[in-house]
Structures are given as C-alpha cells and as structure tokens.
Amino acid sequence: MIGGRLHLGALGAAGEIGHQTVLPGGPLCGCGNRGCAELYCAGHGMVSLRNRHYPGEDPDLLFTLHVNEAPVQEYLDLLAQVMATEMIILDPGIGFGKDLDHNLTLLANLEHYKHFGLPLLLATSRKSFINAICPTKPKDRVAGTIASSLIGALQGVDMIRVHDVMEHKQFFAVLRETALRWSAWNS
C-alpha cells in the first residue's frame, strides 16, 4: 500500500516500491504501469539509453565513454532524482534483532515517526514477532500480519509491504466499505 491505497499495475499488484511512477507517460513497465522507478534504476534504463543514443555500444562502456554527453547526464539526473526523492522512506525496522517488547513498542508508536516528514513503511509481513504471540509457521501468519497492518494504517503509515497482497486488499476494502456505513466509526 502506498499513500493509503493498494498500488496496482495493469497486470496486478505492484509488490515493490520500485513500481511507483516517477515519470508519468514513460516507458511501459512489466507491472503494467508507465514510468516506474525500476525502469530507470535497473538495466532496462541503460539498454534503452544505449538503443536510443548509442546503438551497438557496449553497455558496460556507456559511462566510461560518454559520461560528459547530454543523454548520459540526463539519465544520471533522472536516476539521482529517483533515488533522492522518490525512494527515501523511513522503515522503523520491525524484526531485525529486536525482541517482542521492542517490536510491539515500535508498532504501538508508529505515529512518532511521522514528524520526520518522510513516507513511512511498515513491513511486518509474516515476521517472527507474530510467532512469539501466537506460534505459527510463516505462511500461517496472515491474520497477524493483517492485524499489524491495520494498527499501522490507523497510525497513518504510507506504505505496507506484505507477502499476501490480495488478502490485504480484501481486508482493507471490506473495512473501508463497512466503515463508510457504520455510524459509530463516523462519529
């Protein structure tokens, strides 16, 4: 989820931050969107640059031989823009060497990180803290992941990284549609 909505391409869910559109109307990405960051940060961007401006040139030599030329400089500027603006996100790092108390404290206080003014990512999908609360195999931690995703959404996280995209889409769609009609939610 990005900006409170599931990020979808024409071919389904875009599961990575690299599928954010950075150049509307840009080249078509495999996810179905146009102008995804991934296209510029992966080899596709270099191949496209070579094909348009340096046909037949060895891609490994593009920067060595042409670094001061306008097409290469424009490509590097776009890469810098993608990395410096679109890709800076704050991840409180749930998991990663923390015990259960540390993880739950982070999860309960996500709104604290909003003051930095950066997009906030929550990545609790199938993490071991869920297992510490309710012992299960990773593939069986969907409900715990959705519960922690809801806690994050209620605190205003901008992105939720999950393995089980369709289950999250269904959960948040039913929640949204029900909340719109539930008077207690709207009071």
N, C-alpha and C. Protein backbone atom coordinates (compact mmCIF):
# COMPACT_ATOMS: atom_id res chain seq x y z
N MET A 1 0.85 -1.17 0.00
CA MET A 1 0.00 0.00 0.00
C MET A 1 0.89 1.23 0.00
N ILE A 2 0.54 2.19 -0.80
CA ILE A 2 1.27 3.44 -0.87
C ILE A 2 0.26 4.56 -0.78
N GLY A 3 0.47 5.48 0.14
CA GLY A 3 -0.45 6.59 0.29
C GLY A 3 -1.86 6.16 0.65
N GLY A 4 -1.97 5.07 1.42
CA GLY A 4 -3.27 4.61 1.85
C GLY A 4 -4.06 3.81 0.82
N ARG A 5 -3.43 3.48 -0.30
CA ARG A 5 -4.14 2.67 -1.30
C ARG A 5 -3.23 1.56 -1.81
N LEU A 6 -3.84 0.48 -2.22
CA LEU A 6 -3.10 -0.61 -2.82
C LEU A 6 -2.59 -0.14 -4.16
N HIS A 7 -1.31 -0.28 -4.40
CA HIS A 7 -0.71 0.19 -5.65
C HIS A 7 -0.82 -0.93 -6.68
N LEU A 8 -1.58 -0.68 -7.73
CA LEU A 8 -1.82 -1.70 -8.74
C LEU A 8 -1.30 -1.27 -10.10
N GLY A 9 -0.79 -2.23 -10.83
CA GLY A 9 -0.46 -2.02 -12.23
C GLY A 9 -1.54 -2.68 -13.06
N ALA A 10 -1.47 -2.52 -14.36
CA ALA A 10 -2.47 -3.11 -15.24
C ALA A 10 -2.47 -4.63 -15.14
N LEU A 11 -1.34 -5.21 -14.71
CA LEU A 11 -1.22 -6.66 -14.64
C LEU A 11 -1.37 -7.19 -13.21
N GLY A 12 -1.75 -6.33 -12.25
CA GLY A 12 -1.94 -6.78 -10.88
C GLY A 12 -1.21 -5.90 -9.90
N ALA A 13 -0.96 -6.45 -8.72
CA ALA A 13 -0.36 -5.66 -7.65
C ALA A 13 1.11 -5.42 -7.91
N ALA A 14 1.53 -4.22 -7.67
CA ALA A 14 2.94 -3.88 -7.75
C ALA A 14 3.52 -4.11 -6.37
N GLY A 15 4.33 -5.13 -6.23
CA GLY A 15 4.79 -5.54 -4.92
C GLY A 15 6.03 -4.83 -4.42
N GLU A 16 6.56 -3.90 -5.15
CA GLU A 16 7.79 -3.26 -4.73
C GLU A 16 7.68 -1.76 -4.86
N ILE A 17 8.43 -1.06 -4.05
CA ILE A 17 8.47 0.40 -4.11
C ILE A 17 8.96 0.87 -5.48
N GLY A 18 9.74 0.05 -6.15
CA GLY A 18 10.26 0.39 -7.47
C GLY A 18 9.18 0.56 -8.51
N HIS A 19 7.95 0.19 -8.19
CA HIS A 19 6.87 0.34 -9.15
C HIS A 19 6.06 1.61 -8.93
N GLN A 20 6.61 2.56 -8.20
CA GLN A 20 6.00 3.89 -8.13
C GLN A 20 6.31 4.62 -9.44
N THR A 21 5.35 5.33 -9.93
CA THR A 21 5.55 6.10 -11.16
C THR A 21 6.36 7.35 -10.85
N VAL A 22 7.50 7.49 -11.53
CA VAL A 22 8.33 8.68 -11.36
C VAL A 22 8.33 9.54 -12.61
N LEU A 23 7.93 8.96 -13.73
CA LEU A 23 7.87 9.71 -14.97
C LEU A 23 6.56 9.34 -15.69
N PRO A 24 5.45 10.03 -15.35
CA PRO A 24 4.17 9.69 -15.98
C PRO A 24 4.30 9.71 -17.49
N GLY A 25 3.73 8.71 -18.12
CA GLY A 25 3.81 8.61 -19.57
C GLY A 25 5.12 8.01 -20.05
N GLY A 26 5.98 7.60 -19.14
CA GLY A 26 7.26 6.98 -19.50
C GLY A 26 7.05 5.60 -20.08
N PRO A 27 8.12 4.85 -20.25
CA PRO A 27 8.01 3.52 -20.86
C PRO A 27 7.17 2.56 -20.02
N LEU A 28 6.59 1.58 -20.68
CA LEU A 28 5.74 0.59 -20.03
C LEU A 28 6.59 -0.38 -19.22
N CYS A 29 6.21 -0.57 -17.97
CA CYS A 29 6.89 -1.50 -17.07
C CYS A 29 6.17 -2.85 -17.11
N GLY A 30 6.84 -3.88 -16.68
CA GLY A 30 6.24 -5.21 -16.62
C GLY A 30 5.05 -5.29 -15.69
N CYS A 31 4.93 -4.36 -14.72
CA CYS A 31 3.78 -4.38 -13.80
C CYS A 31 2.53 -3.79 -14.45
N GLY A 32 2.70 -3.17 -15.61
CA GLY A 32 1.56 -2.57 -16.31
C GLY A 32 1.49 -1.07 -16.19
N ASN A 33 2.27 -0.46 -15.30
CA ASN A 33 2.30 0.99 -15.17
C ASN A 33 3.35 1.58 -16.13
N ARG A 34 3.28 2.87 -16.33
CA ARG A 34 4.27 3.56 -17.16
C ARG A 34 5.17 4.39 -16.26
N GLY A 35 6.46 4.41 -16.60
CA GLY A 35 7.41 5.29 -15.93
C GLY A 35 7.79 4.88 -14.52
N CYS A 36 7.79 3.58 -14.21
CA CYS A 36 8.16 3.11 -12.87
C CYS A 36 9.64 3.37 -12.59
N ALA A 37 9.94 3.66 -11.33
CA ALA A 37 11.32 3.90 -10.92
C ALA A 37 12.23 2.74 -11.31
N GLU A 38 11.71 1.53 -11.21
CA GLU A 38 12.50 0.35 -11.51
C GLU A 38 13.08 0.38 -12.92
N LEU A 39 12.35 0.96 -13.85
CA LEU A 39 12.82 1.00 -15.23
C LEU A 39 14.08 1.84 -15.38
N TYR A 40 14.26 2.80 -14.50
CA TYR A 40 15.41 3.68 -14.60
C TYR A 40 16.57 3.21 -13.74
N CYS A 41 16.26 2.46 -12.69
CA CYS A 41 17.31 2.01 -11.78
C CYS A 41 17.81 0.62 -12.11
N ALA A 42 17.16 -0.04 -13.03
CA ALA A 42 17.58 -1.38 -13.44
C ALA A 42 18.23 -1.29 -14.82
N GLY A 43 18.68 -2.39 -15.31
CA GLY A 43 19.38 -2.44 -16.59
C GLY A 43 18.54 -1.98 -17.77
N HIS A 44 17.21 -2.03 -17.64
CA HIS A 44 16.34 -1.62 -18.75
C HIS A 44 16.62 -0.18 -19.17
N GLY A 45 16.84 0.67 -18.19
CA GLY A 45 17.10 2.08 -18.48
C GLY A 45 18.37 2.28 -19.27
N MET A 46 19.41 1.55 -18.91
CA MET A 46 20.68 1.65 -19.66
C MET A 46 20.55 1.12 -21.06
N VAL A 47 19.84 0.00 -21.21
CA VAL A 47 19.65 -0.56 -22.55
C VAL A 47 18.87 0.41 -23.43
N SER A 48 17.84 1.01 -22.85
CA SER A 48 17.06 2.00 -23.60
C SER A 48 17.92 3.20 -24.00
N LEU A 49 18.73 3.68 -23.06
CA LEU A 49 19.64 4.79 -23.34
C LEU A 49 20.58 4.42 -24.49
N ARG A 50 21.14 3.24 -24.41
CA ARG A 50 22.06 2.79 -25.46
C ARG A 50 21.34 2.68 -26.80
N ASN A 51 20.19 2.06 -26.81
CA ASN A 51 19.47 1.86 -28.07
C ASN A 51 19.07 3.17 -28.73
N ARG A 52 18.70 4.16 -27.92
CA ARG A 52 18.28 5.46 -28.47
C ARG A 52 19.44 6.33 -28.92
N HIS A 53 20.53 6.31 -28.14
CA HIS A 53 21.59 7.28 -28.39
C HIS A 53 22.93 6.69 -28.82
N TYR A 54 23.18 5.43 -28.48
CA TYR A 54 24.48 4.83 -28.77
C TYR A 54 24.30 3.40 -29.28
N PRO A 55 23.57 3.21 -30.39
CA PRO A 55 23.31 1.86 -30.88
C PRO A 55 24.61 1.09 -31.13
N GLY A 56 24.63 -0.15 -30.69
CA GLY A 56 25.79 -1.01 -30.89
C GLY A 56 26.89 -0.84 -29.85
N GLU A 57 26.79 0.19 -29.02
CA GLU A 57 27.82 0.42 -27.99
C GLU A 57 27.71 -0.63 -26.89
N ASP A 58 28.83 -1.06 -26.36
CA ASP A 58 28.85 -1.99 -25.23
C ASP A 58 28.26 -1.27 -24.01
N PRO A 59 27.16 -1.79 -23.42
CA PRO A 59 26.55 -1.10 -22.27
C PRO A 59 27.52 -0.88 -21.11
N ASP A 60 28.50 -1.76 -20.96
CA ASP A 60 29.47 -1.61 -19.89
C ASP A 60 30.36 -0.38 -20.08
N LEU A 61 30.41 0.13 -21.30
CA LEU A 61 31.28 1.27 -21.59
C LEU A 61 30.54 2.60 -21.71
N LEU A 62 29.20 2.56 -21.58
CA LEU A 62 28.43 3.79 -21.75
C LEU A 62 28.93 4.93 -20.88
N PHE A 63 29.11 4.66 -19.60
CA PHE A 63 29.51 5.73 -18.69
C PHE A 63 30.97 6.10 -18.88
N THR A 64 31.79 5.12 -19.18
CA THR A 64 33.22 5.39 -19.38
C THR A 64 33.45 6.28 -20.60
N LEU A 65 32.75 5.97 -21.68
CA LEU A 65 33.00 6.69 -22.94
C LEU A 65 32.14 7.94 -23.12
N HIS A 66 30.99 8.00 -22.46
CA HIS A 66 30.04 9.06 -22.78
C HIS A 66 29.55 9.85 -21.56
N VAL A 67 30.25 9.77 -20.43
CA VAL A 67 29.76 10.35 -19.19
C VAL A 67 29.48 11.85 -19.29
N ASN A 68 30.19 12.57 -20.12
CA ASN A 68 30.01 14.02 -20.22
C ASN A 68 29.01 14.44 -21.29
N GLU A 69 28.38 13.48 -21.94
CA GLU A 69 27.43 13.79 -23.01
C GLU A 69 26.02 13.94 -22.43
N ALA A 70 25.24 14.79 -23.08
CA ALA A 70 23.91 15.15 -22.57
C ALA A 70 23.00 13.94 -22.30
N PRO A 71 22.88 12.96 -23.20
CA PRO A 71 21.96 11.84 -22.91
C PRO A 71 22.34 11.09 -21.63
N VAL A 72 23.63 10.88 -21.41
CA VAL A 72 24.07 10.17 -20.21
C VAL A 72 23.84 11.04 -18.98
N GLN A 73 24.12 12.33 -19.07
CA GLN A 73 23.90 13.23 -17.95
C GLN A 73 22.41 13.30 -17.58
N GLU A 74 21.53 13.34 -18.60
CA GLU A 74 20.09 13.37 -18.33
C GLU A 74 19.65 12.09 -17.64
N TYR A 75 20.19 10.96 -18.08
CA TYR A 75 19.87 9.67 -17.45
C TYR A 75 20.35 9.66 -16.00
N LEU A 76 21.56 10.12 -15.75
CA LEU A 76 22.08 10.17 -14.39
C LEU A 76 21.28 11.13 -13.51
N ASP A 77 20.84 12.25 -14.08
CA ASP A 77 20.00 13.18 -13.33
C ASP A 77 18.69 12.52 -12.92
N LEU A 78 18.09 11.76 -13.85
CA LEU A 78 16.84 11.06 -13.54
C LEU A 78 17.06 10.02 -12.45
N LEU A 79 18.17 9.26 -12.55
CA LEU A 79 18.48 8.29 -11.51
C LEU A 79 18.63 8.96 -10.15
N ALA A 80 19.33 10.08 -10.14
CA ALA A 80 19.54 10.81 -8.89
C ALA A 80 18.21 11.28 -8.32
N GLN A 81 17.32 11.74 -9.19
CA GLN A 81 16.01 12.20 -8.73
C GLN A 81 15.23 11.05 -8.12
N VAL A 82 15.25 9.90 -8.78
CA VAL A 82 14.54 8.73 -8.27
C VAL A 82 15.09 8.35 -6.90
N MET A 83 16.40 8.28 -6.78
CA MET A 83 16.99 7.84 -5.52
C MET A 83 16.89 8.90 -4.43
N ALA A 84 16.95 10.17 -4.79
CA ALA A 84 16.98 11.22 -3.79
C ALA A 84 15.61 11.70 -3.36
N THR A 85 14.59 11.46 -4.16
CA THR A 85 13.28 11.97 -3.79
C THR A 85 12.26 10.85 -3.66
N GLU A 86 12.10 10.05 -4.65
CA GLU A 86 11.04 9.05 -4.65
C GLU A 86 11.35 7.85 -3.76
N MET A 87 12.60 7.60 -3.49
CA MET A 87 12.96 6.35 -2.84
C MET A 87 13.36 6.50 -1.38
N ILE A 88 13.29 7.70 -0.83
CA ILE A 88 13.65 7.85 0.58
C ILE A 88 12.40 7.58 1.41
N ILE A 89 12.46 6.49 2.15
CA ILE A 89 11.35 6.11 3.01
C ILE A 89 11.92 5.73 4.37
N LEU A 90 11.11 5.85 5.38
CA LEU A 90 11.52 5.52 6.73
C LEU A 90 10.88 4.21 7.12
N ASP A 91 11.71 3.26 7.52
CA ASP A 91 11.25 1.95 7.96
C ASP A 91 11.73 1.76 9.40
N PRO A 92 10.82 1.69 10.37
CA PRO A 92 11.26 1.54 11.76
C PRO A 92 11.95 0.21 12.04
N GLY A 93 11.93 -0.72 11.10
CA GLY A 93 12.70 -1.95 11.23
C GLY A 93 12.14 -2.95 12.21
N ILE A 94 10.86 -3.24 12.08
CA ILE A 94 10.26 -4.26 12.94
C ILE A 94 10.94 -5.59 12.60
N GLY A 95 11.29 -6.31 13.63
CA GLY A 95 12.11 -7.52 13.46
C GLY A 95 13.57 -7.13 13.64
N PHE A 96 14.44 -7.59 12.81
CA PHE A 96 15.84 -7.18 12.75
C PHE A 96 16.51 -7.04 14.11
N GLY A 97 16.59 -8.15 14.84
CA GLY A 97 17.33 -8.18 16.09
C GLY A 97 16.60 -7.63 17.30
N LYS A 98 15.33 -7.35 17.18
CA LYS A 98 14.56 -6.81 18.31
C LYS A 98 13.78 -7.94 18.97
N ASP A 99 13.53 -7.79 20.26
CA ASP A 99 12.71 -8.78 20.93
C ASP A 99 11.23 -8.38 20.79
N LEU A 100 10.35 -9.21 21.31
CA LEU A 100 8.92 -8.98 21.18
C LEU A 100 8.52 -7.63 21.74
N ASP A 101 9.01 -7.28 22.92
CA ASP A 101 8.64 -5.99 23.53
C ASP A 101 9.08 -4.82 22.65
N HIS A 102 10.29 -4.88 22.12
CA HIS A 102 10.77 -3.81 21.23
C HIS A 102 9.85 -3.67 20.01
N ASN A 103 9.51 -4.80 19.38
CA ASN A 103 8.67 -4.76 18.18
C ASN A 103 7.28 -4.20 18.48
N LEU A 104 6.69 -4.63 19.60
CA LEU A 104 5.35 -4.14 19.94
C LEU A 104 5.38 -2.67 20.32
N THR A 105 6.44 -2.23 20.96
CA THR A 105 6.58 -0.80 21.29
C THR A 105 6.69 0.03 20.02
N LEU A 106 7.48 -0.43 19.06
CA LEU A 106 7.56 0.27 17.77
C LEU A 106 6.20 0.32 17.10
N LEU A 107 5.53 -0.83 17.04
CA LEU A 107 4.24 -0.92 16.36
C LEU A 107 3.19 -0.03 17.03
N ALA A 108 3.25 0.09 18.33
CA ALA A 108 2.27 0.91 19.06
C ALA A 108 2.57 2.40 18.97
N ASN A 109 3.74 2.76 18.47
CA ASN A 109 4.15 4.17 18.45
C ASN A 109 4.61 4.64 17.08
N LEU A 110 4.04 4.10 16.04
CA LEU A 110 4.45 4.47 14.68
C LEU A 110 4.24 5.95 14.37
N GLU A 111 3.20 6.54 14.97
CA GLU A 111 2.91 7.95 14.68
C GLU A 111 4.09 8.85 15.05
N HIS A 112 4.94 8.41 15.97
CA HIS A 112 6.13 9.18 16.34
C HIS A 112 7.01 9.47 15.13
N TYR A 113 7.09 8.53 14.21
CA TYR A 113 7.99 8.67 13.06
C TYR A 113 7.45 9.62 11.99
N LYS A 114 6.19 9.98 12.08
CA LYS A 114 5.59 10.86 11.08
C LYS A 114 6.20 12.27 11.12
N HIS A 115 6.73 12.68 12.26
CA HIS A 115 7.26 14.05 12.37
C HIS A 115 8.50 14.27 11.51
N PHE A 116 9.10 13.21 11.01
CA PHE A 116 10.27 13.37 10.15
C PHE A 116 9.89 13.86 8.75
N GLY A 117 8.60 13.76 8.42
CA GLY A 117 8.14 14.23 7.12
C GLY A 117 8.51 13.33 5.96
N LEU A 118 8.84 12.08 6.23
CA LEU A 118 9.19 11.11 5.19
C LEU A 118 8.09 10.06 5.09
N PRO A 119 7.92 9.46 3.93
CA PRO A 119 6.96 8.36 3.83
C PRO A 119 7.38 7.25 4.80
N LEU A 120 6.39 6.69 5.48
CA LEU A 120 6.66 5.67 6.49
C LEU A 120 6.21 4.30 5.98
N LEU A 121 7.13 3.35 6.02
CA LEU A 121 6.89 1.99 5.57
C LEU A 121 6.72 1.07 6.78
N LEU A 122 5.72 0.22 6.73
CA LEU A 122 5.54 -0.82 7.74
C LEU A 122 5.71 -2.16 7.05
N ALA A 123 6.64 -2.96 7.56
CA ALA A 123 6.91 -4.27 6.96
C ALA A 123 6.89 -5.32 8.07
N THR A 124 5.69 -5.81 8.37
CA THR A 124 5.53 -6.81 9.43
C THR A 124 5.16 -8.18 8.87
N SER A 125 5.07 -8.30 7.57
CA SER A 125 4.56 -9.49 6.93
C SER A 125 5.28 -10.76 7.38
N ARG A 126 4.52 -11.62 8.04
CA ARG A 126 4.96 -12.95 8.46
C ARG A 126 6.16 -12.92 9.42
N LYS A 127 6.39 -11.80 10.08
CA LYS A 127 7.57 -11.66 10.95
C LYS A 127 7.46 -12.52 12.19
N SER A 128 8.62 -12.79 12.79
CA SER A 128 8.68 -13.71 13.93
C SER A 128 8.01 -13.17 15.19
N PHE A 129 7.82 -11.85 15.31
CA PHE A 129 7.12 -11.34 16.50
C PHE A 129 5.68 -11.87 16.53
N ILE A 130 5.09 -12.13 15.36
CA ILE A 130 3.75 -12.73 15.31
C ILE A 130 3.80 -14.14 15.89
N ASN A 131 4.85 -14.86 15.54
CA ASN A 131 5.05 -16.21 16.07
C ASN A 131 5.24 -16.20 17.58
N ALA A 132 5.88 -15.16 18.12
CA ALA A 132 6.09 -15.06 19.57
C ALA A 132 4.77 -14.86 20.31
N ILE A 133 3.79 -14.25 19.65
CA ILE A 133 2.48 -14.04 20.25
C ILE A 133 1.60 -15.26 20.06
N CYS A 134 1.63 -15.82 18.87
CA CYS A 134 0.79 -16.97 18.51
C CYS A 134 1.63 -17.90 17.62
N PRO A 135 2.25 -18.93 18.19
CA PRO A 135 3.17 -19.77 17.43
C PRO A 135 2.54 -20.37 16.16
N THR A 136 3.14 -20.02 15.03
CA THR A 136 2.68 -20.49 13.72
C THR A 136 3.85 -20.50 12.76
N LYS A 137 3.68 -21.23 11.69
CA LYS A 137 4.67 -21.20 10.60
C LYS A 137 4.51 -19.89 9.86
N PRO A 138 5.58 -19.41 9.20
CA PRO A 138 5.48 -18.12 8.48
C PRO A 138 4.28 -18.01 7.55
N LYS A 139 3.98 -19.06 6.79
CA LYS A 139 2.87 -18.99 5.82
C LYS A 139 1.51 -18.88 6.50
N ASP A 140 1.46 -19.19 7.81
CA ASP A 140 0.20 -19.13 8.56
C ASP A 140 0.08 -17.87 9.41
N ARG A 141 0.88 -16.85 9.12
CA ARG A 141 0.85 -15.61 9.90
C ARG A 141 0.10 -14.48 9.20
N VAL A 142 -0.78 -14.83 8.29
CA VAL A 142 -1.51 -13.82 7.52
C VAL A 142 -2.38 -12.97 8.43
N ALA A 143 -3.14 -13.59 9.32
CA ALA A 143 -4.03 -12.83 10.20
C ALA A 143 -3.24 -11.89 11.11
N GLY A 144 -2.14 -12.36 11.65
CA GLY A 144 -1.30 -11.49 12.48
C GLY A 144 -0.70 -10.35 11.68
N THR A 145 -0.34 -10.64 10.44
CA THR A 145 0.18 -9.58 9.56
C THR A 145 -0.89 -8.54 9.28
N ILE A 146 -2.10 -8.99 8.98
CA ILE A 146 -3.19 -8.05 8.71
C ILE A 146 -3.51 -7.22 9.95
N ALA A 147 -3.49 -7.84 11.13
CA ALA A 147 -3.74 -7.09 12.36
C ALA A 147 -2.69 -6.00 12.54
N SER A 148 -1.43 -6.33 12.33
CA SER A 148 -0.38 -5.32 12.49
C SER A 148 -0.45 -4.27 11.38
N SER A 149 -0.89 -4.66 10.21
CA SER A 149 -1.08 -3.70 9.12
C SER A 149 -2.18 -2.70 9.46
N LEU A 150 -3.26 -3.19 10.07
CA LEU A 150 -4.34 -2.30 10.50
C LEU A 150 -3.84 -1.32 11.54
N ILE A 151 -3.06 -1.80 12.49
CA ILE A 151 -2.50 -0.90 13.51
C ILE A 151 -1.67 0.19 12.84
N GLY A 152 -0.88 -0.19 11.86
CA GLY A 152 -0.08 0.79 11.12
C GLY A 152 -0.94 1.76 10.33
N ALA A 153 -1.95 1.23 9.65
CA ALA A 153 -2.83 2.09 8.85
C ALA A 153 -3.55 3.11 9.73
N LEU A 154 -3.99 2.69 10.92
CA LEU A 154 -4.67 3.60 11.83
C LEU A 154 -3.74 4.71 12.34
N GLN A 155 -2.43 4.45 12.29
CA GLN A 155 -1.45 5.45 12.71
C GLN A 155 -0.89 6.25 11.54
N GLY A 156 -1.40 6.00 10.33
CA GLY A 156 -1.03 6.82 9.19
C GLY A 156 0.20 6.40 8.42
N VAL A 157 0.61 5.12 8.50
CA VAL A 157 1.74 4.71 7.68
C VAL A 157 1.38 4.90 6.21
N ASP A 158 2.38 5.18 5.41
CA ASP A 158 2.16 5.46 3.99
C ASP A 158 2.22 4.21 3.13
N MET A 159 3.00 3.22 3.55
CA MET A 159 3.19 2.01 2.76
C MET A 159 3.21 0.80 3.67
N ILE A 160 2.64 -0.27 3.18
CA ILE A 160 2.67 -1.54 3.90
C ILE A 160 3.22 -2.57 2.93
N ARG A 161 4.34 -3.21 3.33
CA ARG A 161 4.92 -4.26 2.49
C ARG A 161 4.44 -5.60 3.01
N VAL A 162 3.81 -6.37 2.14
CA VAL A 162 3.25 -7.65 2.55
C VAL A 162 3.53 -8.72 1.50
N HIS A 163 3.44 -9.96 1.94
CA HIS A 163 3.52 -11.09 1.02
C HIS A 163 2.13 -11.42 0.46
N ASP A 164 1.12 -11.23 1.28
CA ASP A 164 -0.25 -11.66 0.95
C ASP A 164 -1.07 -10.44 0.51
N VAL A 165 -0.82 -10.00 -0.71
CA VAL A 165 -1.39 -8.75 -1.22
C VAL A 165 -2.91 -8.84 -1.33
N MET A 166 -3.42 -9.90 -1.93
CA MET A 166 -4.86 -9.98 -2.16
C MET A 166 -5.64 -10.06 -0.84
N GLU A 167 -5.09 -10.74 0.16
CA GLU A 167 -5.76 -10.81 1.46
C GLU A 167 -5.84 -9.42 2.09
N HIS A 168 -4.78 -8.64 1.95
CA HIS A 168 -4.78 -7.27 2.48
C HIS A 168 -5.76 -6.39 1.68
N LYS A 169 -5.76 -6.56 0.40
CA LYS A 169 -6.68 -5.77 -0.43
C LYS A 169 -8.12 -6.05 -0.01
N GLN A 170 -8.45 -7.33 0.17
CA GLN A 170 -9.81 -7.69 0.58
C GLN A 170 -10.13 -7.13 1.96
N PHE A 171 -9.22 -7.28 2.91
CA PHE A 171 -9.46 -6.80 4.27
C PHE A 171 -9.72 -5.30 4.28
N PHE A 172 -8.84 -4.52 3.65
CA PHE A 172 -8.99 -3.07 3.69
C PHE A 172 -10.19 -2.59 2.87
N ALA A 173 -10.55 -3.32 1.81
CA ALA A 173 -11.74 -2.94 1.04
C ALA A 173 -13.01 -3.15 1.86
N VAL A 174 -13.10 -4.29 2.54
CA VAL A 174 -14.28 -4.55 3.38
C VAL A 174 -14.31 -3.56 4.55
N LEU A 175 -13.19 -3.30 5.16
CA LEU A 175 -13.14 -2.32 6.25
C LEU A 175 -13.59 -0.95 5.79
N ARG A 176 -13.08 -0.51 4.66
CA ARG A 176 -13.43 0.82 4.13
C ARG A 176 -14.92 0.91 3.84
N GLU A 177 -15.46 -0.06 3.14
CA GLU A 177 -16.87 -0.01 2.75
C GLU A 177 -17.79 -0.11 3.97
N THR A 178 -17.40 -0.91 4.95
CA THR A 178 -18.20 -1.04 6.16
C THR A 178 -18.12 0.24 6.99
N ALA A 179 -16.92 0.78 7.13
CA ALA A 179 -16.72 1.99 7.94
C ALA A 179 -17.50 3.17 7.38
N LEU A 180 -17.66 3.22 6.06
CA LEU A 180 -18.42 4.31 5.46
C LEU A 180 -19.88 4.29 5.89
N ARG A 181 -20.37 3.13 6.27
CA ARG A 181 -21.78 2.99 6.63
C ARG A 181 -22.00 2.83 8.14
N TRP A 182 -20.95 2.70 8.91
CA TRP A 182 -21.04 2.42 10.34
C TRP A 182 -21.03 3.74 11.09
N SER A 183 -22.14 4.05 11.72
CA SER A 183 -22.27 5.35 12.39
C SER A 183 -21.28 5.53 13.52
N ALA A 184 -20.96 4.48 14.27
CA ALA A 184 -20.01 4.61 15.39
C ALA A 184 -18.62 5.00 14.87
N TRP A 185 -18.25 4.52 13.69
CA TRP A 185 -16.94 4.82 13.10
C TRP A 185 -16.87 6.29 12.68
N ASN A 186 -17.97 6.80 12.23
CA ASN A 186 -18.01 8.15 11.68
C ASN A 186 -18.33 9.23 12.71
N SER A 187 -18.55 8.84 13.98
CA SER A 187 -18.90 9.86 14.98
C SER A 187 -17.69 10.31 15.77
